[in-house]
C-alpha atoms as a PDB file:
ATOM      1  CA  UNK A   1     -51.291  31.937  30.048  1.00  0.00           C
ATOM      2  CA  UNK A   2     -48.387  32.843  27.717  1.00  0.00           C
ATOM      3  CA  UNK A   3     -44.806  31.879  28.211  1.00  0.00           C
ATOM      4  CA  UNK A   4     -42.333  34.652  27.580  1.00  0.00           C
ATOM      5  CA  UNK A   5     -39.381  32.657  26.301  1.00  0.00           C
ATOM      6  CA  UNK A   6     -37.006  32.813  23.410  1.00  0.00           C
ATOM      7  CA  UNK A   7     -39.478  30.843  21.275  1.00  0.00           C
ATOM      8  CA  UNK A   8     -42.605  32.478  22.760  1.00  0.00           C
ATOM      9  CA  UNK A   9     -44.207  35.895  22.298  1.00  0.00           C
ATOM     10  CA  UNK A  10     -40.871  37.719  22.555  1.00  0.00           C
ATOM     11  CA  UNK A  11     -39.556  35.659  19.630  1.00  0.00           C
ATOM     12  CA  UNK A  12     -42.736  36.421  17.640  1.00  0.00           C
ATOM     13  CA  UNK A  13     -42.528  40.144  18.369  1.00  0.00           C
ATOM     14  CA  UNK A  14     -38.860  40.259  17.415  1.00  0.00           C
ATOM     15  CA  UNK A  15     -39.546  38.413  14.145  1.00  0.00           C
ATOM     16  CA  UNK A  16     -42.416  40.809  13.300  1.00  0.00           C
ATOM     17  CA  UNK A  17     -40.136  43.793  14.026  1.00  0.00           C
ATOM     18  CA  UNK A  18     -37.412  42.538  11.753  1.00  0.00           C
ATOM     19  CA  UNK A  19     -39.828  41.851   8.936  1.00  0.00           C
ATOM     20  CA  UNK A  20     -41.454  45.266   9.226  1.00  0.00           C
ATOM     21  CA  UNK A  21     -38.028  46.902   9.172  1.00  0.00           C
ATOM     22  CA  UNK A  22     -37.313  45.020   5.974  1.00  0.00           C
ATOM     23  CA  UNK A  23     -40.661  45.481   4.279  1.00  0.00           C
ATOM     24  CA  UNK A  24     -42.285  48.414   5.952  1.00  0.00           C
ATOM     25  CA  UNK A  25     -45.327  48.411   8.311  1.00  0.00           C
ATOM     26  CA  UNK A  26     -48.013  48.982   5.676  1.00  0.00           C
ATOM     27  CA  UNK A  27     -46.792  46.347   3.158  1.00  0.00           C
ATOM     28  CA  UNK A  28     -46.494  43.768   5.950  1.00  0.00           C
ATOM     29  CA  UNK A  29     -49.995  44.688   7.116  1.00  0.00           C
ATOM     30  CA  UNK A  30     -51.375  44.212   3.612  1.00  0.00           C
ATOM     31  CA  UNK A  31     -49.604  40.885   3.200  1.00  0.00           C
ATOM     32  CA  UNK A  32     -50.777  39.452   6.491  1.00  0.00           C
ATOM     33  CA  UNK A  33     -54.216  41.057   6.482  1.00  0.00           C
ATOM     34  CA  UNK A  34     -53.671  42.262  10.028  1.00  0.00           C
ATOM     35  CA  UNK A  35     -54.670  45.927  10.654  1.00  0.00           C
ATOM     36  CA  UNK A  36     -51.938  48.459  11.441  1.00  0.00           C
ATOM     37  CA  UNK A  37     -53.248  49.012  14.999  1.00  0.00           C
ATOM     38  CA  UNK A  38     -53.128  45.324  15.868  1.00  0.00           C
ATOM     39  CA  UNK A  39     -49.582  45.044  14.472  1.00  0.00           C
ATOM     40  CA  UNK A  40     -48.523  47.977  16.654  1.00  0.00           C
ATOM     41  CA  UNK A  41     -50.136  46.284  19.644  1.00  0.00           C
ATOM     42  CA  UNK A  42     -48.065  43.137  19.007  1.00  0.00           C
ATOM     43  CA  UNK A  43     -44.880  45.164  18.713  1.00  0.00           C
ATOM     44  CA  UNK A  44     -45.641  46.947  21.976  1.00  0.00           C
ATOM     45  CA  UNK A  45     -46.320  43.672  23.855  1.00  0.00           C
ATOM     46  CA  UNK A  46     -49.983  44.240  24.372  1.00  0.00           C
ATOM     47  CA  UNK A  47     -52.542  41.423  24.442  1.00  0.00           C
ATOM     48  CA  UNK A  48     -53.571  40.163  21.023  1.00  0.00           C
ATOM     49  CA  UNK A  49     -56.111  37.699  19.728  1.00  0.00           C
ATOM     50  CA  UNK A  50     -54.918  34.200  19.043  1.00  0.00           C
ATOM     51  CA  UNK A  51     -56.272  34.391  15.463  1.00  0.00           C
ATOM     52  CA  UNK A  52     -54.066  37.472  14.908  1.00  0.00           C
ATOM     53  CA  UNK A  53     -50.954  35.761  16.267  1.00  0.00           C
ATOM     54  CA  UNK A  54     -51.707  32.611  14.293  1.00  0.00           C
ATOM     55  CA  UNK A  55     -52.082  34.672  11.112  1.00  0.00           C
ATOM     56  CA  UNK A  56     -48.805  36.461  11.686  1.00  0.00           C
ATOM     57  CA  UNK A  57     -46.997  33.209  12.559  1.00  0.00           C
ATOM     58  CA  UNK A  58     -48.161  31.498   9.343  1.00  0.00           C
ATOM     59  CA  UNK A  59     -46.832  34.353   7.204  1.00  0.00           C
ATOM     60  CA  UNK A  60     -43.477  34.204   9.042  1.00  0.00           C
ATOM     61  CA  UNK A  61     -43.446  30.406   8.703  1.00  0.00           C
ATOM     62  CA  UNK A  62     -43.421  29.943  12.472  1.00  0.00           C
ATOM     63  CA  UNK A  63     -45.213  27.345  14.537  1.00  0.00           C
ATOM     64  CA  UNK A  64     -48.194  28.651  16.495  1.00  0.00           C
ATOM     65  CA  UNK A  65     -49.003  26.404  19.446  1.00  0.00           C
ATOM     66  CA  UNK A  66     -51.418  26.815  22.365  1.00  0.00           C
ATOM     67  CA  UNK A  67     -51.493  24.086  24.991  1.00  0.00           C
ATOM     68  CA  UNK A  68     -49.368  22.425  27.699  1.00  0.00           C
ATOM     69  CA  UNK A  69     -45.728  23.190  27.601  1.00  0.00           C
ATOM     70  CA  UNK A  70     -43.790  20.741  25.406  1.00  0.00           C
ATOM     71  CA  UNK A  71     -40.434  19.355  26.529  1.00  0.00           C
ATOM     72  CA  UNK A  72     -38.778  20.024  23.192  1.00  0.00           C
ATOM     73  CA  UNK A  73     -40.382  23.377  22.447  1.00  0.00           C
ATOM     74  CA  UNK A  74     -37.303  25.307  23.629  1.00  0.00           C
ATOM     75  CA  UNK A  75     -34.652  23.137  21.990  1.00  0.00           C
ATOM     76  CA  UNK A  76     -36.164  22.138  18.614  1.00  0.00           C
ATOM     77  CA  UNK A  77     -36.647  25.290  16.461  1.00  0.00           C
ATOM     78  CA  UNK A  78     -38.035  24.490  13.034  1.00  0.00           C
ATOM     79  CA  UNK A  79     -35.894  24.702   9.886  1.00  0.00           C
ATOM     80  CA  UNK A  80     -36.711  27.117   7.109  1.00  0.00           C
ATOM     81  CA  UNK A  81     -38.648  25.181   4.429  1.00  0.00           C
ATOM     82  CA  UNK A  82     -35.870  25.672   1.822  1.00  0.00           C
ATOM     83  CA  UNK A  83     -33.251  23.995   4.053  1.00  0.00           C
ATOM     84  CA  UNK A  84     -35.583  21.141   4.939  1.00  0.00           C
ATOM     85  CA  UNK A  85     -36.302  20.543   1.269  1.00  0.00           C
ATOM     86  CA  UNK A  86     -32.592  20.644   0.321  1.00  0.00           C
ATOM     87  CA  UNK A  87     -31.803  18.022   2.967  1.00  0.00           C
ATOM     88  CA  UNK A  88     -34.767  15.885   1.920  1.00  0.00           C
ATOM     89  CA  UNK A  89     -36.378  16.249   5.339  1.00  0.00           C
ATOM     90  CA  UNK A  90     -40.082  16.775   6.341  1.00  0.00           C
ATOM     91  CA  UNK A  91     -41.434  20.295   6.437  1.00  0.00           C
ATOM     92  CA  UNK A  92     -41.638  20.236  10.234  1.00  0.00           C
ATOM     93  CA  UNK A  93     -38.033  19.079  10.686  1.00  0.00           C
ATOM     94  CA  UNK A  94     -35.940  20.722  13.373  1.00  0.00           C
ATOM     95  CA  UNK A  95     -32.353  21.953  13.536  1.00  0.00           C
ATOM     96  CA  UNK A  96     -31.443  18.756  15.345  1.00  0.00           C
ATOM     97  CA  UNK A  97     -32.870  16.716  12.415  1.00  0.00           C
ATOM     98  CA  UNK A  98     -30.725  18.707  10.015  1.00  0.00           C
ATOM     99  CA  UNK A  99     -27.575  18.181  12.060  1.00  0.00           C
ATOM    100  CA  UNK A 100     -28.210  14.424  12.213  1.00  0.00           C
ATOM    101  CA  UNK A 101     -28.786  14.249   8.457  1.00  0.00           C
ATOM    102  CA  UNK A 102     -25.565  16.129   7.710  1.00  0.00           C
ATOM    103  CA  UNK A 103     -23.557  13.882  10.059  1.00  0.00           C
ATOM    104  CA  UNK A 104     -24.931  10.723   8.421  1.00  0.00           C
ATOM    105  CA  UNK A 105     -24.051  12.054   4.988  1.00  0.00           C
ATOM    106  CA  UNK A 106     -20.532  12.963   6.132  1.00  0.00           C
ATOM    107  CA  UNK A 107     -20.014   9.468   7.624  1.00  0.00           C
ATOM    108  CA  UNK A 108     -21.328   7.833   4.449  1.00  0.00           C
ATOM    109  CA  UNK A 109     -18.876   9.928   2.361  1.00  0.00           C
ATOM    110  CA  UNK A 110     -15.929   8.900   4.554  1.00  0.00           C
ATOM    111  CA  UNK A 111     -16.992   5.264   4.383  1.00  0.00           C
ATOM    112  CA  UNK A 112     -17.165   5.383   0.570  1.00  0.00           C
ATOM    113  CA  UNK A 113     -13.656   6.981   0.459  1.00  0.00           C
ATOM    114  CA  UNK A 114     -12.305   4.250   2.803  1.00  0.00           C
ATOM    115  CA  UNK A 115     -13.797   1.450   0.745  1.00  0.00           C
ATOM    116  CA  UNK A 116     -12.347   2.987  -2.409  1.00  0.00           C
ATOM    117  CA  UNK A 117      -8.887   3.153  -0.828  1.00  0.00           C
ATOM    118  CA  UNK A 118      -9.062  -0.499   0.303  1.00  0.00           C
ATOM    119  CA  UNK A 119     -10.135  -1.563  -3.228  1.00  0.00           C
ATOM    120  CA  UNK A 120      -7.275   0.376  -4.795  1.00  0.00           C
ATOM    121  CA  UNK A 121      -4.703  -1.173  -2.415  1.00  0.00           C
ATOM    122  CA  UNK A 122      -6.120  -4.632  -3.110  1.00  0.00           C
ATOM    123  CA  UNK A 123      -5.748  -4.122  -6.868  1.00  0.00           C
ATOM    124  CA  UNK A 124      -2.174  -2.882  -6.457  1.00  0.00           C
ATOM    125  CA  UNK A 125      -1.300  -5.922  -4.311  1.00  0.00           C
ATOM    126  CA  UNK A 126      -2.714  -8.252  -6.980  1.00  0.00           C
ATOM    127  CA  UNK A 127      -0.701  -6.511  -9.701  1.00  0.00           C
ATOM    128  CA  UNK A 128       2.513  -6.696  -7.637  1.00  0.00           C
ATOM    129  CA  UNK A 129       1.944 -10.380  -6.864  1.00  0.00           C
ATOM    130  CA  UNK A 130       1.487 -11.106 -10.600  1.00  0.00           C
ATOM    131  CA  UNK A 131       4.967  -9.597 -11.299  1.00  0.00           C
ATOM    132  CA  UNK A 132       6.869 -11.834  -8.922  1.00  0.00           C
ATOM    133  CA  UNK A 133       5.342 -15.345  -9.005  1.00  0.00           C
ATOM    134  CA  UNK A 134       7.429 -18.030  -7.360  1.00  0.00           C
ATOM    135  CA  UNK A 135       9.768 -15.700  -5.397  1.00  0.00           C
ATOM    136  CA  UNK A 136       7.923 -16.401  -2.097  1.00  0.00           C
ATOM    137  CA  UNK A 137       8.603 -20.120  -2.424  1.00  0.00           C
ATOM    138  CA  UNK A 138      11.889 -21.713  -1.427  1.00  0.00           C
ATOM    139  CA  UNK A 139      11.272 -24.504  -3.944  1.00  0.00           C
ATOM    140  CA  UNK A 140      13.019 -24.070  -7.264  1.00  0.00           C
ATOM    141  CA  UNK A 141      10.608 -23.979 -10.238  1.00  0.00           C
ATOM    142  CA  UNK A 142      11.333 -25.896 -13.407  1.00  0.00           C
ATOM    143  CA  UNK A 143      12.943 -24.207 -16.378  1.00  0.00           C
ATOM    144  CA  UNK A 144       9.573 -23.879 -18.137  1.00  0.00           C
ATOM    145  CA  UNK A 145       7.717 -22.537 -15.070  1.00  0.00           C
ATOM    146  CA  UNK A 146      10.172 -19.893 -13.831  1.00  0.00           C
ATOM    147  CA  UNK A 147       9.746 -16.399 -15.387  1.00  0.00           C
ATOM    148  CA  UNK A 148      12.726 -14.919 -17.159  1.00  0.00           C
ATOM    149  CA  UNK A 149      12.072 -11.523 -15.574  1.00  0.00           C
ATOM    150  CA  UNK A 150      12.462 -12.861 -11.980  1.00  0.00           C
ATOM    151  CA  UNK A 151      15.871 -12.494 -10.408  1.00  0.00           C
ATOM    152  CA  UNK A 152      17.784 -14.012  -7.484  1.00  0.00           C
ATOM    153  CA  UNK A 153      20.029 -11.933  -5.258  1.00  0.00           C
ATOM    154  CA  UNK A 154      23.197 -13.984  -4.659  1.00  0.00           C
ATOM    155  CA  UNK A 155      25.676 -12.966  -1.899  1.00  0.00           C
ATOM    156  CA  UNK A 156      29.152 -12.160  -3.111  1.00  0.00           C
ATOM    157  CA  UNK A 157      32.251 -13.696  -1.460  1.00  0.00           C
ATOM    158  CA  UNK A 158      35.510 -11.889  -2.168  1.00  0.00           C
ATOM    159  CA  UNK A 159      37.490 -14.682  -0.444  1.00  0.00           C
ATOM    160  CA  UNK A 160      37.415 -18.232   0.872  1.00  0.00           C
ATOM    161  CA  UNK A 161      38.928 -19.392   4.206  1.00  0.00           C
ATOM    162  CA  UNK A 162      39.496 -22.744   5.946  1.00  0.00           C
ATOM    163  CA  UNK A 163      37.488 -23.273   9.119  1.00  0.00           C
ATOM    164  CA  UNK A 164      39.605 -23.714  12.277  1.00  0.00           C
ATOM    165  CA  UNK A 165      39.635 -27.293  13.466  1.00  0.00           C
ATOM    166  CA  UNK A 166      37.754 -28.883  10.555  1.00  0.00           C
ATOM    167  CA  UNK A 167      39.706 -27.398   7.692  1.00  0.00           C
ATOM    168  CA  UNK A 168      36.475 -27.014   5.729  1.00  0.00           C
ATOM    169  CA  UNK A 169      36.469 -24.288   3.109  1.00  0.00           C
ATOM    170  CA  UNK A 170      34.064 -21.442   3.967  1.00  0.00           C
ATOM    171  CA  UNK A 171      32.995 -18.558   1.732  1.00  0.00           C
ATOM    172  CA  UNK A 172      33.691 -15.142   3.221  1.00  0.00           C
ATOM    173  CA  UNK A 173      30.456 -13.475   2.063  1.00  0.00           C
ATOM    174  CA  UNK A 174      30.227  -9.685   2.012  1.00  0.00           C
ATOM    175  CA  UNK A 175      27.262  -8.327   3.970  1.00  0.00           C
ATOM    176  CA  UNK A 176      26.981  -5.319   1.641  1.00  0.00           C
ATOM    177  CA  UNK A 177      27.303  -6.784  -1.857  1.00  0.00           C
ATOM    178  CA  UNK A 178      24.901  -9.100  -3.686  1.00  0.00           C
ATOM    179  CA  UNK A 179      24.680 -10.017  -7.378  1.00  0.00           C
ATOM    180  CA  UNK A 180      21.298 -10.079  -9.190  1.00  0.00           C
ATOM    181  CA  UNK A 181      21.008 -12.984 -11.609  1.00  0.00           C
ATOM    182  CA  UNK A 182      17.915 -13.860 -13.667  1.00  0.00           C
ATOM    183  CA  UNK A 183      16.440 -17.218 -12.598  1.00  0.00           C
ATOM    184  CA  UNK A 184      16.259 -18.271 -16.257  1.00  0.00           C
ATOM    185  CA  UNK A 185      20.060 -17.926 -16.610  1.00  0.00           C
ATOM    186  CA  UNK A 186      20.745 -20.395 -13.745  1.00  0.00           C
ATOM    187  CA  UNK A 187      21.230 -24.113 -14.251  1.00  0.00           C
ATOM    188  CA  UNK A 188      17.952 -25.995 -13.746  1.00  0.00           C
ATOM    189  CA  UNK A 189      19.392 -27.869 -10.736  1.00  0.00           C
ATOM    190  CA  UNK A 190      20.640 -24.757  -8.902  1.00  0.00           C
ATOM    191  CA  UNK A 191      19.157 -23.923  -5.489  1.00  0.00           C
ATOM    192  CA  UNK A 192      19.064 -20.145  -4.912  1.00  0.00           C
ATOM    193  CA  UNK A 193      19.490 -20.541  -1.126  1.00  0.00           C
ATOM    194  CA  UNK A 194      22.783 -22.417  -1.681  1.00  0.00           C
ATOM    195  CA  UNK A 195      24.364 -20.038  -4.198  1.00  0.00           C
ATOM    196  CA  UNK A 196      27.373 -17.772  -3.658  1.00  0.00           C
ATOM    197  CA  UNK A 197      29.099 -15.569  -6.177  1.00  0.00           C
ATOM    198  CA  UNK A 198      32.877 -15.494  -6.546  1.00  0.00           C
ATOM    199  CA  UNK A 199      35.176 -13.799  -9.092  1.00  0.00           C
ATOM    200  CA  UNK A 200      37.289 -15.747 -11.570  1.00  0.00           C
ATOM    201  CA  UNK A 201      40.916 -14.764 -11.989  1.00  0.00           C
ATOM    202  CA  UNK A 202      43.378 -15.368 -14.779  1.00  0.00           C
ATOM    203  CA  UNK A 203      42.977 -16.827 -18.264  1.00  0.00           C
ATOM    204  CA  UNK A 204      43.139 -20.573 -17.472  1.00  0.00           C
ATOM    205  CA  UNK A 205      39.480 -21.103 -18.431  1.00  0.00           C
ATOM    206  CA  UNK A 206      39.444 -18.940 -21.597  1.00  0.00           C
ATOM    207  CA  UNK A 207      37.531 -18.791 -23.772  1.00  0.00           C
ATOM    208  CA  UNK A 208      34.737 -20.063 -21.456  1.00  0.00           C
ATOM    209  CA  UNK A 209      35.622 -17.705 -18.609  1.00  0.00           C
ATOM    210  CA  UNK A 210      37.726 -14.603 -18.483  1.00  0.00           C
ATOM    211  CA  UNK A 211      39.634 -12.763 -15.819  1.00  0.00           C
ATOM    212  CA  UNK A 212      37.150 -10.871 -13.614  1.00  0.00           C
ATOM    213  CA  UNK A 213      34.034 -12.825 -14.616  1.00  0.00           C
ATOM    214  CA  UNK A 214      31.459 -13.468 -11.862  1.00  0.00           C
ATOM    215  CA  UNK A 215      30.663 -17.107 -11.113  1.00  0.00           C
ATOM    216  CA  UNK A 216      27.654 -18.450  -9.126  1.00  0.00           C
ATOM    217  CA  UNK A 217      28.540 -21.587  -7.155  1.00  0.00           C
ATOM    218  CA  UNK A 218      26.048 -24.067  -5.686  1.00  0.00           C
ATOM    219  CA  UNK A 219      27.665 -25.269  -2.475  1.00  0.00           C
ATOM    220  CA  UNK A 220      25.239 -28.124  -2.187  1.00  0.00           C
ATOM    221  CA  UNK A 221      26.700 -29.909  -5.266  1.00  0.00           C
ATOM    222  CA  UNK A 222      30.272 -30.984  -4.348  1.00  0.00           C
ATOM    223  CA  UNK A 223      30.307 -34.476  -5.874  1.00  0.00           C
ATOM    224  CA  UNK A 224      32.585 -34.362  -8.940  1.00  0.00           C
ATOM    225  CA  UNK A 225      30.975 -34.695 -12.358  1.00  0.00           C
ATOM    226  CA  UNK A 226      32.998 -35.389 -15.468  1.00  0.00           C
ATOM    227  CA  UNK A 227      33.257 -32.367 -17.750  1.00  0.00           C
ATOM    228  CA  UNK A 228      31.491 -29.908 -15.391  1.00  0.00           C
ATOM    229  CA  UNK A 229      32.829 -26.660 -13.976  1.00  0.00           C
ATOM    230  CA  UNK A 230      33.553 -26.536 -10.231  1.00  0.00           C
ATOM    231  CA  UNK A 231      34.965 -23.961  -7.767  1.00  0.00           C
ATOM    232  CA  UNK A 232      37.937 -25.488  -5.986  1.00  0.00           C
ATOM    233  CA  UNK A 233      40.073 -24.153  -3.200  1.00  0.00           C
ATOM    234  CA  UNK A 234      43.706 -25.070  -3.722  1.00  0.00           C
ATOM    235  CA  UNK A 235      46.946 -24.145  -1.967  1.00  0.00           C
ATOM    236  CA  UNK A 236      47.277 -21.358  -4.492  1.00  0.00           C
ATOM    237  CA  UNK A 237      43.785 -20.021  -3.731  1.00  0.00           C
ATOM    238  CA  UNK A 238      40.295 -20.262  -5.261  1.00  0.00           C
ATOM    239  CA  UNK A 239      40.189 -21.508  -8.897  1.00  0.00           C
ATOM    240  CA  UNK A 240      37.466 -22.420 -11.373  1.00  0.00           C
ATOM    241  CA  UNK A 241      38.238 -25.655 -13.202  1.00  0.00           C
ATOM    242  CA  UNK A 242      36.555 -28.352 -15.315  1.00  0.00           C
ATOM    243  CA  UNK A 243      36.760 -31.719 -13.598  1.00  0.00           C
ATOM    244  CA  UNK A 244      37.895 -34.559 -15.871  1.00  0.00           C
ATOM    245  CA  UNK A 245      38.077 -38.210 -14.980  1.00  0.00           C
ATOM    246  CA  UNK A 246      41.053 -40.079 -16.447  1.00  0.00           C
ATOM    247  CA  UNK A 247      42.056 -43.675 -15.592  1.00  0.00           C
ATOM    248  CA  UNK A 248      40.283 -43.701 -12.290  1.00  0.00           C
ATOM    249  CA  UNK A 249      41.443 -40.303 -11.043  1.00  0.00           C
ATOM    250  CA  UNK A 250      40.124 -36.774 -11.160  1.00  0.00           C
ATOM    251  CA  UNK A 251      41.917 -33.910 -12.878  1.00  0.00           C
ATOM    252  CA  UNK A 252      41.605 -30.144 -12.605  1.00  0.00           C
ATOM    253  CA  UNK A 253      41.431 -29.271 -16.335  1.00  0.00           C
ATOM    254  CA  UNK A 254      41.748 -25.867 -17.986  1.00  0.00           C
ATOM    255  CA  UNK A 255      39.814 -24.899 -21.157  1.00  0.00           C
ATOM    256  CA  UNK A 256      42.880 -22.848 -22.180  1.00  0.00           C
ATOM    257  CA  UNK A 257      45.295 -25.258 -23.798  1.00  0.00           C
ATOM    258  CA  UNK A 258      48.202 -23.122 -22.692  1.00  0.00           C
ATOM    259  CA  UNK A 259      47.603 -24.335 -19.134  1.00  0.00           C
ATOM    260  CA  UNK A 260      48.227 -27.965 -18.208  1.00  0.00           C
ATOM    261  CA  UNK A 261      45.814 -30.108 -16.229  1.00  0.00           C
ATOM    262  CA  UNK A 262      46.787 -31.581 -12.846  1.00  0.00           C
ATOM    263  CA  UNK A 263      45.466 -34.291 -10.524  1.00  0.00           C
ATOM    264  CA  UNK A 264      43.180 -33.426  -7.613  1.00  0.00           C
ATOM    265  CA  UNK A 265      45.149 -33.678  -4.350  1.00  0.00           C
ATOM    266  CA  UNK A 266      44.092 -34.210  -0.725  1.00  0.00           C
ATOM    267  CA  UNK A 267      44.623 -30.508  -0.027  1.00  0.00           C
ATOM    268  CA  UNK A 268      42.131 -29.462  -2.687  1.00  0.00           C
ATOM    269  CA  UNK A 269      38.568 -28.669  -1.540  1.00  0.00           C
ATOM    270  CA  UNK A 270      35.650 -28.761  -3.968  1.00  0.00           C
ATOM    271  CA  UNK A 271      33.413 -25.787  -2.963  1.00  0.00           C
ATOM    272  CA  UNK A 272      30.535 -26.446  -5.351  1.00  0.00           C
ATOM    273  CA  UNK A 273      29.405 -26.731  -8.960  1.00  0.00           C
ATOM    274  CA  UNK A 274      29.207 -23.593 -11.173  1.00  0.00           C
ATOM    275  CA  UNK A 275      25.525 -22.722 -11.833  1.00  0.00           C
ATOM    276  CA  UNK A 276      26.104 -19.536 -13.791  1.00  0.00           C
ATOM    277  CA  UNK A 277      28.836 -17.153 -14.948  1.00  0.00           C
ATOM    278  CA  UNK A 278      28.851 -13.723 -16.525  1.00  0.00           C
ATOM    279  CA  UNK A 279      29.004 -11.059 -17.903  1.00  0.00           C
ATOM    280  CA  UNK A 280      25.523 -11.825 -19.194  1.00  0.00           C
ATOM    281  CA  UNK A 281      26.136 -10.658 -22.692  1.00  0.00           C
ATOM    282  CA  UNK A 282      28.681 -13.483 -23.223  1.00  0.00           C
ATOM    283  CA  UNK A 283      27.304 -16.693 -24.666  1.00  0.00           C
ATOM    284  CA  UNK A 284      27.453 -19.455 -22.042  1.00  0.00           C
ATOM    285  CA  UNK A 285      28.455 -23.038 -22.857  1.00  0.00           C
END
C-alpha cells in the first residue's frame, strides 16, 4: 500500500519530472539505468517495481522507505548533502536539524559579543579608576600620597552674612559656581569638605595676595595661629589678614606696610584659615 502524500509517490514523480525537464528523458534514463518505458510509467502514476523506485530515489538523493508509516516522515525532509556537510551535520540530517544548528550558532555568536562588551567595559572602568585614586574617600591623603592631577571642586561664596539669633558668620555659597583646585596645591591639613572659596579685595595683603585673588578657606580651623592667614568678617566686611600675637593680644596684620595693623575686636568673626590662594601661576608663600 502506497501513501500518496507530499513526501510519497507524488513527491517522487514531481522530482523525476523536474529532473527530466532539466536533463532530458534519455540522459536521465542512461544515468539511472531505468528504461524509458518505466520512466514514463512513473511519470504517468502507474505501478512500478520497488527496485525501480529505489534506483530513481538514490539518484535523486531521496530516501526510499517501505514499511509502517513513521510519525516524522511528513515533517522531517532530508537536507541536501552539501548543506548537511556545510553545517557539519550527518548525511541523514533533516531541515529541523539544520534550523537547530543555525540557532545554536547564532546564540553562541551573541554570547561571544556580549562577553566581549562586558570585558571592554570592565577594562574602561579599571582605567577610569586608576585616574582618580582617592577621590571616592572623604579622608584627606597625605602630601606624598595625593596625586597632583586630582582636583577638588570648592564652592564659591560671593558674600558672608551673620546668622539671625546667633550672630555666627555664614558663607553665602553660590549653587552655580565652584572653583577647581589641585589637591597638591592645598595645605596638607586642609579638609576638602570644609573648604569655601572667597575673593580677596584691595591691596592690604600685597605682595602675598592681590585684589581679585581667589582664596580657599577651611572653616574647621578657626583657632588663631601666629603668622598664618585667616578670613575674618569685620564691620567693614570680609577681609583676609595675617594674625599676629603681640603682648597677649591678637592683631589683624597686613603684609602691605602701607596698611596699619589693628587689634581683633569682639565684633570680628574668624571664618577659617586660608588653605590656598590663586591665581595658580603666582608663587605662594
